[in-house]
Amino acid sequence: MLETSVRLLRLLSLLQVRRDWSGADLARQLGVTTRTVRNDVERLRLLGYHVHSSTGITGGYRLAAGTAMPPLLLDDDEVMAVAVGLRAAAAGTVTGIEETSLRALTKLEQTLPARLRHRLDVLRQATVSAAGGGPTVDASTLTTIAAACRDHQQLRFDYQGHDGGSGTRRVEPHRLVYTGHRWYLLGWDRDREDWRTFRADRIRPRLPSGPRFIPREPPEDAARHVVRGTGSLAWRHPARVRLHASAEAVADRVPPAAGLLHPVDGESCLLETGSNSLPNLVGFLTGLGVGFEVLDPPELRTLLRELADRYRAAAGDPPTQPDPAP
């Protein structure tokens, strides 16, 4: 009986790794006959797994979605990825998912072997969350929007703008974009005949969804478009900065939510960024570890000059003298 149980777990693991398996391939992997494979597949079905089978030259077995969630087999790295994701979701931006994520994480941690529990404890003790208490979006709203994007169905929803006004919008949804702080919908506004970005937490869908539409070609990558549009609205101090390094060299230091990089040449690139605080923006730019030149705004250049004099004074050097008037 123990040998059969072990073989079932191995069979389930194989079916989760690859989409389609022939009976002969499974038999070779398990070291059994094809008849034993058929019997084991029946046992999995009794346990709630939906395993489709077909006959003929191209026949075989495929693990399919069922009506209930059966147990899953995950390797060590997959377990850690799920645990980290659940912990992040517990402090996330989706309404009501925090408690659900904590319950799932508790169940997962109870079954972790000691080696994985230690890895997760080390990660938990070494990290803190800087997530703010910003607005959250209802999970059902996200799934409604995502389904409309997938099925190319128009959305009608009540929307509250940043000025506090509200109205009904008719939109052809394209993509949901998560910036690490908020969820946004990028879509074609049928009434305004233009691409628009909507904050998902301000959307109240009107069901059922509208008729199907033929997808339009988006203006650019959805994430870039949303970051550019939301940045110009959300940042009190938008900025353009020339970095003295190639876009490839600094790409991993500039997350999508922090700004957009535009290659210039092999030794420089343009960064569109911003912040609600000029000192914070200086700290971010300095932390990139490369030289830079501020193109806009003038207030940021003024602050850099003041800080430069302050740092020189702290180092015992005389401040720089302003250039003489021509």
Protein backbone atom coordinates (compact mmCIF):
# COMPACT_ATOMS: atom_id res chain seq x y z
CA MET A 1 0.00 0.00 0.00
CA LEU A 2 2.84 2.37 0.85
CA GLU A 3 4.48 1.68 -2.51
CA THR A 4 1.20 2.46 -4.28
CA SER A 5 0.82 5.75 -2.41
CA VAL A 6 4.36 6.83 -3.28
CA ARG A 7 3.77 5.94 -6.92
CA LEU A 8 0.54 7.98 -6.96
CA LEU A 9 2.41 11.01 -5.68
CA ARG A 10 5.08 10.54 -8.35
CA LEU A 11 2.39 10.16 -11.02
CA LEU A 12 0.62 13.32 -9.84
CA SER A 13 3.91 15.22 -9.85
CA LEU A 14 4.61 14.13 -13.44
CA LEU A 15 1.14 15.17 -14.61
CA GLN A 16 1.64 18.63 -13.08
CA VAL A 17 5.03 19.14 -14.75
CA ARG A 18 3.99 18.47 -18.36
CA ARG A 19 0.70 19.09 -20.12
CA ASP A 20 0.40 15.81 -22.06
CA TRP A 21 1.79 12.35 -21.32
CA SER A 22 1.44 9.10 -23.19
CA GLY A 23 0.75 6.00 -21.15
CA ALA A 24 4.03 4.46 -22.30
CA ASP A 25 6.04 7.52 -21.19
CA LEU A 26 4.43 7.49 -17.76
CA ALA A 27 5.03 3.76 -17.42
CA ARG A 28 8.73 4.23 -18.23
CA GLN A 29 9.08 7.08 -15.75
CA LEU A 30 7.40 5.05 -12.97
CA GLY A 31 8.90 1.68 -13.85
CA VAL A 32 5.52 -0.03 -14.16
CA THR A 33 3.21 -1.33 -16.89
CA THR A 34 0.71 0.78 -18.81
CA ARG A 35 -2.06 -1.18 -17.09
CA THR A 36 -0.75 -0.05 -13.70
CA VAL A 37 -0.73 3.52 -15.00
CA ARG A 38 -4.39 3.18 -15.99
CA ASN A 39 -5.25 1.85 -12.54
CA ASP A 40 -3.33 4.67 -10.82
CA VAL A 41 -5.09 7.27 -12.95
CA GLU A 42 -8.41 5.86 -11.76
CA ARG A 43 -7.23 6.20 -8.15
CA LEU A 44 -6.35 9.86 -8.76
CA ARG A 45 -9.82 10.44 -10.18
CA LEU A 46 -11.35 9.00 -7.03
CA LEU A 47 -9.27 11.49 -5.03
CA GLY A 48 -10.78 14.40 -6.96
CA TYR A 49 -8.25 14.95 -9.73
CA HIS A 50 -9.69 15.35 -13.22
CA VAL A 51 -7.39 13.38 -15.51
CA HIS A 52 -8.50 13.32 -19.13
CA SER A 53 -7.51 10.34 -21.24
CA SER A 54 -7.69 9.69 -24.98
CA THR A 55 -6.90 6.72 -27.19
CA GLY A 56 -5.12 6.33 -30.49
CA ILE A 57 -1.66 7.26 -31.74
CA THR A 58 -1.80 10.74 -30.16
CA GLY A 59 -3.64 9.53 -27.06
CA GLY A 60 -2.49 9.92 -23.50
CA TYR A 61 -3.26 11.63 -20.23
CA ARG A 62 -3.73 15.25 -19.23
CA LEU A 63 -4.42 16.79 -15.80
CA ALA A 64 -7.35 19.18 -16.13
CA ALA A 65 -9.15 21.67 -13.91
CA GLY A 66 -11.90 20.22 -11.75
CA THR A 67 -14.81 21.48 -9.67
CA ALA A 68 -12.82 21.58 -6.41
CA MET A 69 -9.26 22.42 -5.48
CA PRO A 70 -7.31 19.18 -4.89
CA PRO A 71 -3.97 19.02 -3.05
CA LEU A 72 -0.96 20.22 -5.04
CA LEU A 73 2.58 18.95 -5.18
CA LEU A 74 5.15 21.76 -5.11
CA ASP A 75 8.92 21.65 -5.09
CA ASP A 76 10.98 23.66 -2.57
CA ASP A 77 11.37 26.75 -4.75
CA GLU A 78 7.67 26.76 -5.65
CA VAL A 79 6.70 26.52 -1.98
CA MET A 80 8.92 29.49 -1.12
CA ALA A 81 7.50 31.51 -4.00
CA VAL A 82 3.93 30.83 -2.84
CA ALA A 83 4.79 31.66 0.79
CA VAL A 84 6.51 34.93 -0.12
CA GLY A 85 3.63 35.87 -2.41
CA LEU A 86 1.04 35.19 0.29
CA ARG A 87 2.99 37.24 2.82
CA ALA A 88 3.16 40.16 0.37
CA ALA A 89 -0.55 39.82 -0.39
CA ALA A 90 -1.36 39.98 3.32
CA ALA A 91 -0.12 43.58 3.30
CA GLY A 92 -1.33 44.27 -0.21
CA THR A 93 -3.75 46.51 -2.06
CA VAL A 94 -6.70 44.18 -2.65
CA THR A 95 -9.63 44.59 -0.26
CA GLY A 96 -10.35 41.56 1.92
CA ILE A 97 -7.46 39.47 0.67
CA GLU A 98 -5.29 40.13 3.72
CA GLU A 99 -7.11 37.75 6.07
CA THR A 100 -7.49 35.11 3.36
CA SER A 101 -3.78 35.29 2.57
CA LEU A 102 -2.87 34.91 6.24
CA ARG A 103 -5.10 31.84 6.59
CA ALA A 104 -3.55 30.22 3.54
CA LEU A 105 -0.04 31.11 4.73
CA THR A 106 -0.73 29.58 8.16
CA LYS A 107 -1.89 26.32 6.58
CA LEU A 108 1.17 26.25 4.34
CA GLU A 109 3.62 26.93 7.17
CA GLN A 110 2.15 24.13 9.27
CA THR A 111 3.15 21.57 6.63
CA LEU A 112 6.58 22.98 5.75
CA PRO A 113 9.59 20.78 6.44
CA ALA A 114 12.13 22.23 8.87
CA ARG A 115 14.57 23.34 6.14
CA LEU A 116 11.92 25.43 4.35
CA ARG A 117 10.45 26.80 7.57
CA HIS A 118 13.93 28.03 8.51
CA ARG A 119 14.37 29.73 5.12
CA LEU A 120 11.00 31.45 5.46
CA ASP A 121 11.74 32.56 9.03
CA VAL A 122 15.06 34.06 7.94
CA LEU A 123 13.33 35.99 5.16
CA ARG A 124 10.58 37.20 7.50
CA GLN A 125 13.02 38.40 10.16
CA ALA A 126 15.23 40.21 7.66
CA THR A 127 12.52 42.16 5.87
CA VAL A 128 10.02 44.87 6.72
CA SER A 129 7.13 46.17 4.67
CA ALA A 130 7.08 49.75 3.47
CA ALA A 131 3.59 49.38 2.05
CA GLY A 132 1.49 52.40 2.81
CA GLY A 133 -2.11 52.58 3.86
CA GLY A 134 -3.29 53.67 0.47
CA PRO A 135 -6.60 52.82 -1.22
CA THR A 136 -7.40 49.19 -1.88
CA VAL A 137 -9.46 47.66 -4.68
CA ASP A 138 -12.14 45.02 -4.28
CA ALA A 139 -11.09 41.58 -5.54
CA SER A 140 -14.37 41.12 -7.42
CA THR A 141 -13.74 44.36 -9.30
CA LEU A 142 -10.33 43.10 -10.42
CA THR A 143 -11.73 39.77 -11.60
CA THR A 144 -14.55 41.50 -13.48
CA ILE A 145 -12.10 43.80 -15.25
CA ALA A 146 -9.69 40.94 -15.98
CA ALA A 147 -12.48 38.81 -17.48
CA ALA A 148 -13.58 41.69 -19.72
CA CYS A 149 -9.97 42.16 -20.89
CA ARG A 150 -9.67 38.46 -21.66
CA ASP A 151 -13.04 38.16 -23.45
CA HIS A 152 -12.79 41.53 -25.27
CA GLN A 153 -16.07 42.75 -23.76
CA GLN A 154 -16.94 46.39 -23.23
CA LEU A 155 -17.15 47.62 -19.64
CA ARG A 156 -19.66 50.09 -18.26
CA PHE A 157 -18.77 51.44 -14.87
CA ASP A 158 -19.31 54.36 -12.53
CA TYR A 159 -16.04 56.21 -12.05
CA GLN A 160 -14.94 58.84 -9.56
CA GLY A 161 -12.32 61.17 -11.01
CA HIS A 162 -9.41 62.73 -9.15
CA ASP A 163 -11.43 65.96 -8.87
CA GLY A 164 -14.16 64.17 -6.92
CA GLY A 165 -16.68 64.18 -9.78
CA SER A 166 -18.33 60.96 -10.90
CA GLY A 167 -19.88 59.64 -14.08
CA THR A 168 -20.51 56.56 -16.18
CA ARG A 169 -17.83 55.42 -18.62
CA ARG A 170 -17.94 53.02 -21.57
CA VAL A 171 -14.54 51.45 -22.11
CA GLU A 172 -12.91 48.75 -24.21
CA PRO A 173 -10.55 47.30 -21.56
CA HIS A 174 -7.01 46.44 -22.64
CA ARG A 175 -4.86 45.58 -19.58
CA LEU A 176 -4.75 45.75 -15.81
CA VAL A 177 -1.49 47.29 -14.60
CA TYR A 178 -0.16 47.02 -11.05
CA THR A 179 2.51 49.60 -10.21
CA GLY A 180 3.37 48.17 -6.80
CA HIS A 181 1.14 50.73 -5.09
CA ARG A 182 -2.11 50.86 -7.05
CA TRP A 183 -4.07 48.97 -9.71
CA TYR A 184 -4.95 50.71 -12.99
CA LEU A 185 -7.03 49.85 -16.04
CA LEU A 186 -5.81 50.91 -19.47
CA GLY A 187 -8.60 51.01 -22.01
CA TRP A 188 -10.13 52.79 -24.98
CA ASP A 189 -12.77 55.29 -23.80
CA ARG A 190 -15.55 55.03 -26.41
CA ASP A 191 -17.11 58.38 -25.51
CA ARG A 192 -13.84 60.33 -25.55
CA GLU A 193 -12.37 58.26 -28.41
CA ASP A 194 -8.96 58.02 -26.79
CA TRP A 195 -6.87 55.79 -24.55
CA ARG A 196 -7.50 56.47 -20.87
CA THR A 197 -6.07 55.20 -17.58
CA PHE A 198 -8.46 54.52 -14.69
CA ARG A 199 -7.68 53.78 -11.05
CA ALA A 200 -9.27 50.43 -10.29
CA ASP A 201 -10.22 51.42 -6.73
CA ARG A 202 -12.46 54.14 -8.20
CA ILE A 203 -14.25 51.77 -10.61
CA ARG A 204 -17.70 50.37 -9.82
CA PRO A 205 -18.60 47.95 -12.66
CA ARG A 206 -22.14 47.80 -14.02
CA LEU A 207 -23.02 44.22 -14.87
CA PRO A 208 -23.49 42.45 -17.16
CA SER A 209 -20.58 43.46 -19.36
CA GLY A 210 -21.28 44.95 -22.76
CA PRO A 211 -20.90 43.52 -26.27
CA ARG A 212 -17.66 42.12 -27.61
CA PHE A 213 -15.23 44.35 -29.50
CA ILE A 214 -12.27 43.95 -31.83
CA PRO A 215 -9.11 44.84 -29.84
CA ARG A 216 -7.32 48.01 -30.90
CA GLU A 217 -3.57 48.41 -31.19
CA PRO A 218 -2.42 50.07 -27.93
CA PRO A 219 -0.27 53.23 -28.14
CA GLU A 220 2.72 51.46 -26.50
CA ASP A 221 3.50 48.92 -23.81
CA ALA A 222 0.63 49.07 -21.30
CA ALA A 223 2.85 49.42 -18.23
CA ARG A 224 4.91 52.24 -19.77
CA HIS A 225 1.77 54.10 -20.83
CA VAL A 226 0.19 53.84 -17.38
CA VAL A 227 3.36 54.83 -15.53
CA ARG A 228 3.83 57.86 -17.76
CA GLY A 229 0.23 58.99 -17.38
CA THR A 230 -0.17 58.33 -13.67
CA GLY A 231 3.24 59.77 -12.88
CA SER A 232 2.41 63.12 -14.43
CA LEU A 233 -0.77 63.26 -12.34
CA ALA A 234 0.42 61.70 -9.10
CA TRP A 235 3.79 63.42 -8.70
CA ARG A 236 3.86 66.95 -7.35
CA HIS A 237 7.33 67.39 -8.85
CA PRO A 238 7.70 65.58 -12.21
CA ALA A 239 11.29 65.57 -13.46
CA ARG A 240 13.41 64.77 -16.50
CA VAL A 241 16.97 63.69 -15.78
CA ARG A 242 19.82 62.67 -18.07
CA LEU A 243 21.72 59.77 -16.52
CA HIS A 244 25.39 59.30 -17.40
CA ALA A 245 24.94 55.58 -18.02
CA SER A 246 23.21 53.46 -20.62
CA ALA A 247 19.60 52.43 -20.11
CA GLU A 248 20.70 48.79 -19.91
CA ALA A 249 23.16 49.57 -17.12
CA VAL A 250 20.57 51.16 -14.82
CA ALA A 251 17.41 49.30 -15.86
CA ASP A 252 17.46 47.02 -12.81
CA ARG A 253 17.77 50.04 -10.48
CA VAL A 254 14.69 51.86 -11.79
CA PRO A 255 11.47 49.92 -11.09
CA PRO A 256 8.53 50.64 -13.42
CA ALA A 257 6.70 52.63 -10.73
CA ALA A 258 9.70 54.94 -10.29
CA GLY A 259 9.85 56.23 -13.85
CA LEU A 260 10.55 55.53 -17.49
CA LEU A 261 13.96 55.10 -19.11
CA HIS A 262 14.61 56.25 -22.68
CA PRO A 263 17.90 55.18 -24.32
CA VAL A 264 19.95 58.05 -25.77
CA ASP A 265 23.25 56.39 -26.65
CA GLY A 266 25.68 53.86 -25.25
CA GLU A 267 26.72 56.18 -22.41
CA SER A 268 23.54 58.00 -21.38
CA CYS A 269 19.78 57.74 -21.11
CA LEU A 270 16.81 59.95 -20.20
CA LEU A 271 14.79 59.22 -17.06
CA GLU A 272 11.24 60.53 -16.67
CA THR A 273 10.50 60.39 -12.96
CA GLY A 274 9.15 62.49 -10.12
CA SER A 275 8.18 62.66 -6.46
CA ASN A 276 5.98 64.52 -4.02
CA SER A 277 9.16 65.58 -2.21
CA LEU A 278 12.20 67.14 -3.87
CA PRO A 279 14.59 65.91 -1.10
CA ASN A 280 13.26 62.37 -1.60
CA LEU A 281 13.80 62.73 -5.34
CA VAL A 282 17.41 63.81 -4.71
CA GLY A 283 17.90 60.74 -2.53
CA PHE A 284 16.50 58.44 -5.21
CA LEU A 285 18.68 59.91 -7.96
CA THR A 286 21.78 59.81 -5.77
CA GLY A 287 21.05 56.20 -4.89
CA LEU A 288 21.25 55.18 -8.55
CA GLY A 289 25.02 55.41 -8.23
CA VAL A 290 25.65 57.19 -11.55
CA GLY A 291 26.24 60.79 -12.57
CA PHE A 292 23.21 62.75 -13.72
CA GLU A 293 22.09 66.11 -15.09
CA VAL A 294 18.71 67.61 -14.18
CA LEU A 295 16.82 68.94 -17.19
CA ASP A 296 13.58 69.75 -15.32
CA PRO A 297 12.34 71.15 -12.98
CA PRO A 298 14.46 74.24 -12.12
CA GLU A 299 13.54 73.84 -8.44
CA LEU A 300 15.39 70.52 -8.34
CA ARG A 301 18.56 72.13 -9.73
CA THR A 302 18.30 74.88 -7.08
CA LEU A 303 17.98 72.31 -4.30
CA LEU A 304 21.01 70.40 -5.61
CA ARG A 305 23.10 73.59 -5.52
CA GLU A 306 22.02 74.29 -1.93
CA LEU A 307 22.83 70.73 -0.89
CA ALA A 308 26.19 70.87 -2.69
CA ASP A 309 27.20 73.96 -0.69
CA ARG A 310 25.97 72.34 2.52
CA TYR A 311 28.00 69.18 1.86
CA ARG A 312 31.11 71.20 0.97
CA ALA A 313 30.78 73.16 4.22
CA ALA A 314 30.41 69.91 6.15
CA ALA A 315 33.62 68.67 4.51
CA GLY A 316 35.47 71.92 5.35
CA ASP A 317 35.57 73.21 1.76
CA PRO A 318 34.49 76.73 0.78
CA PRO A 319 31.16 77.00 -1.10
CA THR A 320 31.23 77.58 -4.83
CA GLN A 321 30.93 81.16 -6.03
CA PRO A 322 28.12 82.05 -8.45
CA ASP A 323 29.20 82.67 -12.02
CA PRO A 324 29.84 86.41 -12.68
CA ALA A 325 27.16 88.19 -14.65
CA PRO A 326 28.07 88.65 -18.31
